[in-house]
């Protein structure tokens, strides 16, 4: 069965390392595993720790989590546009 991974001419060079690391893992499995791991990591987090930042002006754990949520929304919208052949 031919590989369904994009080749070097089909993806930006920045992403090729990530593509290589995903060898043998389905997207469905990887997303499920990442979601479960994040949930497990955050469920034991105390509320005061969510506001922790290692230096003034740096993001808190809550800031990082919100950034992940926002990014997921953007990627989901892009996927919908691709699926609908929407040029926006």
N, C-alpha and C. Protein backbone atom coordinates (compact mmCIF):
# COMPACT_ATOMS: atom_id res chain seq x y z
N UNK A 1 0.85 -1.18 0.00
CA UNK A 1 0.00 0.00 0.00
C UNK A 1 0.89 1.24 0.00
N UNK A 2 0.65 2.17 -0.91
CA UNK A 2 1.49 3.37 -0.96
C UNK A 2 1.26 4.27 0.25
N UNK A 3 2.30 5.03 0.58
CA UNK A 3 2.21 5.94 1.71
C UNK A 3 1.26 7.08 1.39
N UNK A 4 0.45 7.47 2.36
CA UNK A 4 -0.45 8.60 2.15
C UNK A 4 0.13 9.87 2.73
N UNK A 5 1.37 9.76 3.25
CA UNK A 5 2.00 10.95 3.81
C UNK A 5 2.48 11.85 2.67
N UNK A 6 2.39 13.16 2.86
CA UNK A 6 2.88 14.06 1.82
C UNK A 6 4.40 13.97 1.69
N UNK A 7 4.85 14.11 0.48
CA UNK A 7 6.29 14.10 0.21
C UNK A 7 6.90 15.48 0.43
N UNK A 8 8.22 15.59 0.30
CA UNK A 8 8.92 16.86 0.53
C UNK A 8 8.44 17.99 -0.38
N UNK A 9 7.92 17.63 -1.56
CA UNK A 9 7.44 18.65 -2.49
C UNK A 9 5.97 19.02 -2.25
N UNK A 10 5.34 18.37 -1.27
CA UNK A 10 3.92 18.61 -1.01
C UNK A 10 3.64 19.30 0.33
N UNK A 11 4.69 19.55 1.11
CA UNK A 11 4.51 20.19 2.41
C UNK A 11 5.69 21.13 2.65
N UNK A 12 5.43 22.17 3.41
CA UNK A 12 6.50 23.11 3.75
C UNK A 12 7.57 22.37 4.55
N UNK A 13 8.82 22.72 4.33
CA UNK A 13 9.93 22.03 4.99
C UNK A 13 9.81 22.06 6.52
N UNK A 14 9.22 23.11 7.04
CA UNK A 14 9.02 23.23 8.49
C UNK A 14 8.25 22.03 9.05
N UNK A 15 7.30 21.50 8.29
CA UNK A 15 6.42 20.44 8.77
C UNK A 15 6.96 19.03 8.54
N UNK A 16 8.01 18.89 7.75
CA UNK A 16 8.49 17.56 7.40
C UNK A 16 8.93 16.74 8.61
N UNK A 17 9.53 17.36 9.61
CA UNK A 17 9.92 16.63 10.81
C UNK A 17 8.70 16.06 11.53
N UNK A 18 7.63 16.85 11.59
CA UNK A 18 6.40 16.37 12.23
C UNK A 18 5.80 15.21 11.43
N UNK A 19 5.84 15.31 10.13
CA UNK A 19 5.30 14.26 9.27
C UNK A 19 6.09 12.96 9.47
N UNK A 20 7.41 13.07 9.54
CA UNK A 20 8.24 11.88 9.78
C UNK A 20 7.94 11.25 11.14
N UNK A 21 7.70 12.05 12.15
CA UNK A 21 7.44 11.54 13.50
C UNK A 21 6.10 10.83 13.60
N UNK A 22 5.19 11.08 12.68
CA UNK A 22 3.87 10.48 12.72
C UNK A 22 3.82 9.12 12.02
N UNK A 23 4.96 8.57 11.68
CA UNK A 23 5.02 7.31 10.95
C UNK A 23 4.27 6.19 11.69
N UNK A 24 3.34 5.57 11.00
CA UNK A 24 2.63 4.43 11.55
C UNK A 24 1.48 4.76 12.47
N UNK A 25 1.18 6.02 12.67
CA UNK A 25 0.10 6.42 13.57
C UNK A 25 -0.99 7.11 12.75
N UNK A 26 -2.22 6.63 12.90
CA UNK A 26 -3.32 7.28 12.17
C UNK A 26 -3.65 8.62 12.83
N UNK A 27 -4.17 9.51 12.05
CA UNK A 27 -4.56 10.82 12.55
C UNK A 27 -5.62 10.67 13.64
N UNK A 28 -6.57 9.80 13.43
CA UNK A 28 -7.64 9.57 14.41
C UNK A 28 -7.05 9.12 15.75
N UNK A 29 -6.14 8.17 15.70
CA UNK A 29 -5.50 7.67 16.93
C UNK A 29 -4.68 8.77 17.60
N UNK A 30 -3.90 9.51 16.83
CA UNK A 30 -3.04 10.55 17.38
C UNK A 30 -3.86 11.65 18.06
N UNK A 31 -4.96 12.06 17.43
CA UNK A 31 -5.80 13.10 18.02
C UNK A 31 -6.48 12.61 19.30
N UNK A 32 -6.94 11.38 19.28
CA UNK A 32 -7.56 10.81 20.48
C UNK A 32 -6.57 10.69 21.63
N UNK A 33 -5.36 10.25 21.32
CA UNK A 33 -4.33 10.11 22.35
C UNK A 33 -3.95 11.48 22.92
N UNK A 34 -3.76 12.47 22.05
CA UNK A 34 -3.38 13.81 22.51
C UNK A 34 -4.48 14.42 23.38
N UNK A 35 -5.72 14.22 22.99
CA UNK A 35 -6.84 14.74 23.76
C UNK A 35 -6.90 14.11 25.15
N UNK A 36 -6.75 12.79 25.20
CA UNK A 36 -6.78 12.09 26.50
C UNK A 36 -5.61 12.52 27.38
N UNK A 37 -4.45 12.68 26.79
CA UNK A 37 -3.26 13.09 27.55
C UNK A 37 -3.43 14.50 28.11
N UNK A 38 -3.96 15.41 27.31
CA UNK A 38 -4.19 16.78 27.78
C UNK A 38 -5.22 16.79 28.91
N UNK A 39 -6.29 16.05 28.74
CA UNK A 39 -7.33 15.97 29.78
C UNK A 39 -6.74 15.43 31.08
N UNK A 40 -5.99 14.37 31.00
CA UNK A 40 -5.38 13.77 32.19
C UNK A 40 -4.43 14.76 32.87
N UNK A 41 -3.67 15.50 32.08
CA UNK A 41 -2.73 16.47 32.63
C UNK A 41 -3.46 17.61 33.34
N UNK A 42 -4.55 18.08 32.76
CA UNK A 42 -5.24 19.25 33.30
C UNK A 42 -6.23 18.93 34.41
N UNK A 43 -6.73 17.71 34.50
CA UNK A 43 -7.76 17.41 35.49
C UNK A 43 -7.24 17.53 36.92
N UNK A 44 -5.96 17.34 37.13
CA UNK A 44 -5.40 17.45 38.48
C UNK A 44 -4.84 18.83 38.79
N UNK A 45 -5.02 19.76 37.87
CA UNK A 45 -4.46 21.11 38.04
C UNK A 45 -5.32 21.93 39.00
N UNK A 46 -4.72 22.44 40.04
CA UNK A 46 -5.42 23.31 40.99
C UNK A 46 -5.64 24.68 40.35
N UNK A 47 -6.73 25.34 40.75
CA UNK A 47 -7.11 26.63 40.16
C UNK A 47 -6.00 27.67 40.27
N UNK A 48 -5.32 27.72 41.42
CA UNK A 48 -4.27 28.73 41.57
C UNK A 48 -3.07 28.44 40.67
N UNK A 49 -2.84 27.18 40.35
CA UNK A 49 -1.73 26.83 39.45
C UNK A 49 -2.04 27.22 38.00
N UNK A 50 -3.33 27.28 37.65
CA UNK A 50 -3.71 27.66 36.30
C UNK A 50 -3.32 29.10 35.99
N UNK A 51 -3.14 29.90 37.03
CA UNK A 51 -2.74 31.30 36.86
C UNK A 51 -1.22 31.48 36.93
N UNK A 52 -0.48 30.39 37.06
CA UNK A 52 0.98 30.46 37.19
C UNK A 52 1.63 30.92 35.89
N UNK A 53 2.61 31.80 36.02
CA UNK A 53 3.47 32.18 34.90
C UNK A 53 4.89 32.22 35.43
N UNK A 54 5.83 31.77 34.65
CA UNK A 54 7.20 31.65 35.13
C UNK A 54 7.94 32.98 35.15
N UNK A 55 7.41 34.00 34.50
CA UNK A 55 8.02 35.33 34.53
C UNK A 55 6.95 36.36 34.19
N UNK A 56 7.18 37.58 34.61
CA UNK A 56 6.25 38.67 34.33
C UNK A 56 6.09 38.83 32.81
N UNK A 57 4.87 38.96 32.37
CA UNK A 57 4.61 39.15 30.96
C UNK A 57 4.52 37.86 30.16
N UNK A 58 4.77 36.71 30.77
CA UNK A 58 4.66 35.43 30.09
C UNK A 58 3.25 34.87 30.26
N UNK A 59 2.88 33.93 29.40
CA UNK A 59 1.55 33.37 29.43
C UNK A 59 1.35 32.47 30.63
N UNK A 60 0.12 32.48 31.18
CA UNK A 60 -0.24 31.54 32.23
C UNK A 60 -0.65 30.22 31.57
N UNK A 61 -0.85 29.22 32.39
CA UNK A 61 -1.33 27.93 31.87
C UNK A 61 -2.71 28.12 31.23
N UNK A 62 -3.56 28.96 31.84
CA UNK A 62 -4.86 29.25 31.26
C UNK A 62 -4.73 29.94 29.90
N UNK A 63 -3.77 30.86 29.78
CA UNK A 63 -3.54 31.54 28.51
C UNK A 63 -3.15 30.54 27.42
N UNK A 64 -2.29 29.62 27.77
CA UNK A 64 -1.83 28.61 26.81
C UNK A 64 -3.00 27.72 26.38
N UNK A 65 -3.80 27.30 27.34
CA UNK A 65 -4.96 26.46 27.03
C UNK A 65 -5.93 27.20 26.12
N UNK A 66 -6.17 28.48 26.39
CA UNK A 66 -7.08 29.25 25.53
C UNK A 66 -6.50 29.39 24.13
N UNK A 67 -5.19 29.54 24.03
CA UNK A 67 -4.54 29.61 22.72
C UNK A 67 -4.76 28.30 21.95
N UNK A 68 -4.64 27.17 22.63
CA UNK A 68 -4.89 25.88 21.98
C UNK A 68 -6.32 25.78 21.48
N UNK A 69 -7.26 26.22 22.30
CA UNK A 69 -8.68 26.19 21.93
C UNK A 69 -8.92 27.07 20.71
N UNK A 70 -8.37 28.28 20.73
CA UNK A 70 -8.53 29.19 19.59
C UNK A 70 -7.92 28.60 18.32
N UNK A 71 -6.75 27.99 18.45
CA UNK A 71 -6.08 27.38 17.29
C UNK A 71 -6.91 26.25 16.72
N UNK A 72 -7.51 25.43 17.58
CA UNK A 72 -8.36 24.34 17.11
C UNK A 72 -9.54 24.88 16.31
N UNK A 73 -10.11 25.98 16.77
CA UNK A 73 -11.23 26.58 16.04
C UNK A 73 -10.79 27.05 14.66
N UNK A 74 -9.63 27.67 14.59
CA UNK A 74 -9.12 28.15 13.30
C UNK A 74 -8.88 26.97 12.36
N UNK A 75 -8.23 25.91 12.87
CA UNK A 75 -7.95 24.76 12.02
C UNK A 75 -9.23 24.05 11.59
N UNK A 76 -10.23 23.98 12.46
CA UNK A 76 -11.51 23.38 12.09
C UNK A 76 -12.19 24.20 10.99
N UNK A 77 -12.12 25.52 11.10
CA UNK A 77 -12.70 26.38 10.07
C UNK A 77 -11.98 26.19 8.74
N UNK A 78 -10.66 26.12 8.79
CA UNK A 78 -9.89 25.90 7.56
C UNK A 78 -10.24 24.56 6.93
N UNK A 79 -10.37 23.53 7.74
CA UNK A 79 -10.74 22.20 7.22
C UNK A 79 -12.11 22.25 6.55
N UNK A 80 -13.04 22.98 7.16
CA UNK A 80 -14.37 23.12 6.57
C UNK A 80 -14.28 23.83 5.22
N UNK A 81 -13.47 24.89 5.16
CA UNK A 81 -13.29 25.61 3.90
C UNK A 81 -12.70 24.71 2.83
N UNK A 82 -11.70 23.91 3.18
CA UNK A 82 -11.10 22.97 2.23
C UNK A 82 -12.16 21.97 1.74
N UNK A 83 -12.93 21.44 2.67
CA UNK A 83 -13.94 20.43 2.31
C UNK A 83 -15.01 21.01 1.40
N UNK A 84 -15.32 22.26 1.57
CA UNK A 84 -16.37 22.91 0.76
C UNK A 84 -15.80 23.58 -0.48
N UNK A 85 -14.51 23.47 -0.69
CA UNK A 85 -13.83 24.13 -1.81
C UNK A 85 -14.08 25.64 -1.78
N UNK A 86 -14.10 26.17 -0.58
CA UNK A 86 -14.34 27.59 -0.35
C UNK A 86 -12.99 28.32 -0.49
N UNK A 87 -12.93 29.30 -1.33
CA UNK A 87 -11.68 30.01 -1.60
C UNK A 87 -11.24 30.98 -0.52
N UNK A 88 -12.08 31.21 0.49
CA UNK A 88 -11.69 32.15 1.52
C UNK A 88 -10.67 31.52 2.41
